Amino acid sequence: MSSHLGGNQTGSRSFYNGLWGNPGHLGYHYHHSFSWYGMLFDLFRTTKKHTGIKVKAHISEILTEEVKTLLQDTAPIKEIAQILGFKTLYGFSKFFKRNASLPPQILSH
């Protein structure tokens, strides 16, 4: 099964945990410097300026296209959800339906 995520199949939840730190860890906000937050803000602003959409929407769009590709490769829906880091099949289906305007079952073979 091919992936368009550059070989890193940790999914969006792991991406956000890596970006923001472990929310379960007390004081997780304090390990980033002000310059790190400034660079992050610049990334968000630049992405919005060049794509016309916010970073979260851009990431959701990329993940949705990846799901469509994986569904066409006949990967089982449950396996796709696990590869992309969704904790439940329900959460994955809800994400896909919200972003693609149809349930993943329609595209699966």
Protein backbone atom coordinates (compact mmCIF):
# COMPACT_ATOMS: atom_id res chain seq x y z
CA MET A 1 0.00 0.00 0.00
CA SER A 2 1.47 3.36 -1.00
CA SER A 3 1.32 6.46 1.12
CA HIS A 4 1.60 10.07 0.04
CA LEU A 5 2.60 11.18 3.53
CA GLY A 6 6.29 10.82 2.73
CA GLY A 7 6.56 7.39 4.31
CA ASN A 8 5.66 8.72 7.77
CA GLN A 9 2.43 6.95 8.64
CA THR A 10 1.93 8.27 12.14
CA GLY A 11 -1.19 10.25 11.26
CA SER A 12 -2.62 13.59 12.24
CA ARG A 13 -2.95 12.95 15.96
CA SER A 14 0.73 12.03 16.29
CA PHE A 15 1.60 15.07 14.16
CA TYR A 16 -0.28 17.38 16.51
CA ASN A 17 1.22 15.71 19.60
CA GLY A 18 4.69 16.17 18.13
CA LEU A 19 3.97 19.79 17.25
CA TRP A 20 2.36 20.83 20.51
CA GLY A 21 3.99 18.44 22.96
CA ASN A 22 2.31 15.93 25.21
CA PRO A 23 -0.81 17.59 26.65
CA GLY A 24 -0.80 15.09 29.51
CA HIS A 25 2.57 16.40 30.70
CA LEU A 26 2.26 19.20 33.25
CA GLY A 27 3.87 22.35 31.95
CA TYR A 28 4.23 21.15 28.38
CA HIS A 29 3.86 24.71 27.04
CA TYR A 30 7.09 25.88 28.67
CA HIS A 31 9.58 23.91 26.62
CA HIS A 32 9.20 26.18 23.55
CA SER A 33 10.87 29.56 23.24
CA PHE A 34 9.12 32.70 22.09
CA SER A 35 11.01 32.50 18.81
CA TRP A 36 9.55 29.01 18.22
CA TYR A 37 6.03 30.43 18.61
CA GLY A 38 6.98 33.31 16.32
CA MET A 39 8.15 30.90 13.63
CA LEU A 40 4.97 28.85 14.06
CA PHE A 41 2.85 31.98 13.69
CA ASP A 42 4.80 32.90 10.54
CA LEU A 43 4.17 29.41 9.16
CA PHE A 44 0.43 29.72 9.82
CA ARG A 45 0.27 33.23 8.32
CA THR A 46 2.36 32.26 5.26
CA THR A 47 0.28 29.14 4.63
CA LYS A 48 -2.93 31.17 4.80
CA LYS A 49 -1.46 33.84 2.51
CA HIS A 50 -0.30 31.41 -0.19
CA THR A 51 -3.07 28.80 -0.09
CA GLY A 52 -6.01 30.92 1.05
CA ILE A 53 -6.86 28.44 3.80
CA LYS A 54 -5.78 27.93 7.39
CA VAL A 55 -3.18 25.31 8.34
CA LYS A 56 -5.71 22.98 9.98
CA ALA A 57 -7.91 23.05 6.87
CA HIS A 58 -4.85 22.48 4.68
CA ILE A 59 -3.79 19.45 6.73
CA SER A 60 -7.36 18.10 6.67
CA GLU A 61 -7.42 18.51 2.89
CA ILE A 62 -4.15 16.60 2.50
CA LEU A 63 -5.34 13.80 4.82
CA THR A 64 -8.66 13.56 2.98
CA GLU A 65 -6.87 13.15 -0.36
CA GLU A 66 -4.59 10.52 1.21
CA VAL A 67 -7.65 8.60 2.46
CA LYS A 68 -9.20 8.71 -1.02
CA THR A 69 -5.99 7.28 -2.50
CA LEU A 70 -5.77 4.54 0.13
CA LEU A 71 -9.44 3.64 -0.39
CA GLN A 72 -8.82 3.30 -4.13
CA ASP A 73 -5.87 1.00 -3.34
CA THR A 74 -8.48 -1.26 -1.69
CA ALA A 75 -7.07 -0.85 1.80
CA PRO A 76 -9.59 -1.79 4.51
CA ILE A 77 -11.18 1.26 6.16
CA LYS A 78 -10.15 0.11 9.64
CA GLU A 79 -6.52 -0.23 8.53
CA ILE A 80 -6.53 3.26 6.97
CA ALA A 81 -7.88 4.71 10.21
CA GLN A 82 -5.08 3.03 12.18
CA ILE A 83 -2.35 4.10 9.72
CA LEU A 84 -3.45 7.73 9.95
CA GLY A 85 -3.53 7.63 13.76
CA PHE A 86 -7.26 7.77 14.46
CA LYS A 87 -8.15 6.12 17.77
CA THR A 88 -11.56 4.90 16.61
CA LEU A 89 -13.18 3.97 13.34
CA TYR A 90 -16.06 6.27 14.26
CA GLY A 91 -13.71 9.27 14.61
CA PHE A 92 -12.07 8.46 11.29
CA SER A 93 -15.43 8.10 9.51
CA LYS A 94 -16.67 11.35 11.05
CA PHE A 95 -13.49 13.19 9.93
CA PHE A 96 -13.76 11.84 6.38
CA LYS A 97 -17.48 12.52 6.03
CA ARG A 98 -17.01 16.09 7.29
CA ASN A 99 -14.17 16.76 4.84
CA ALA A 100 -15.23 14.74 1.77
CA SER A 101 -19.02 15.13 2.18
CA LEU A 102 -19.51 11.37 1.92
CA PRO A 103 -18.76 8.34 4.09
CA PRO A 104 -15.58 6.34 3.34
CA GLN A 105 -17.64 3.22 2.65
CA ILE A 106 -18.82 4.73 -0.65
CA LEU A 107 -15.27 4.92 -2.02
CA SER A 108 -14.05 1.59 -0.70
CA HIS A 109 -14.01 -1.44 -2.99
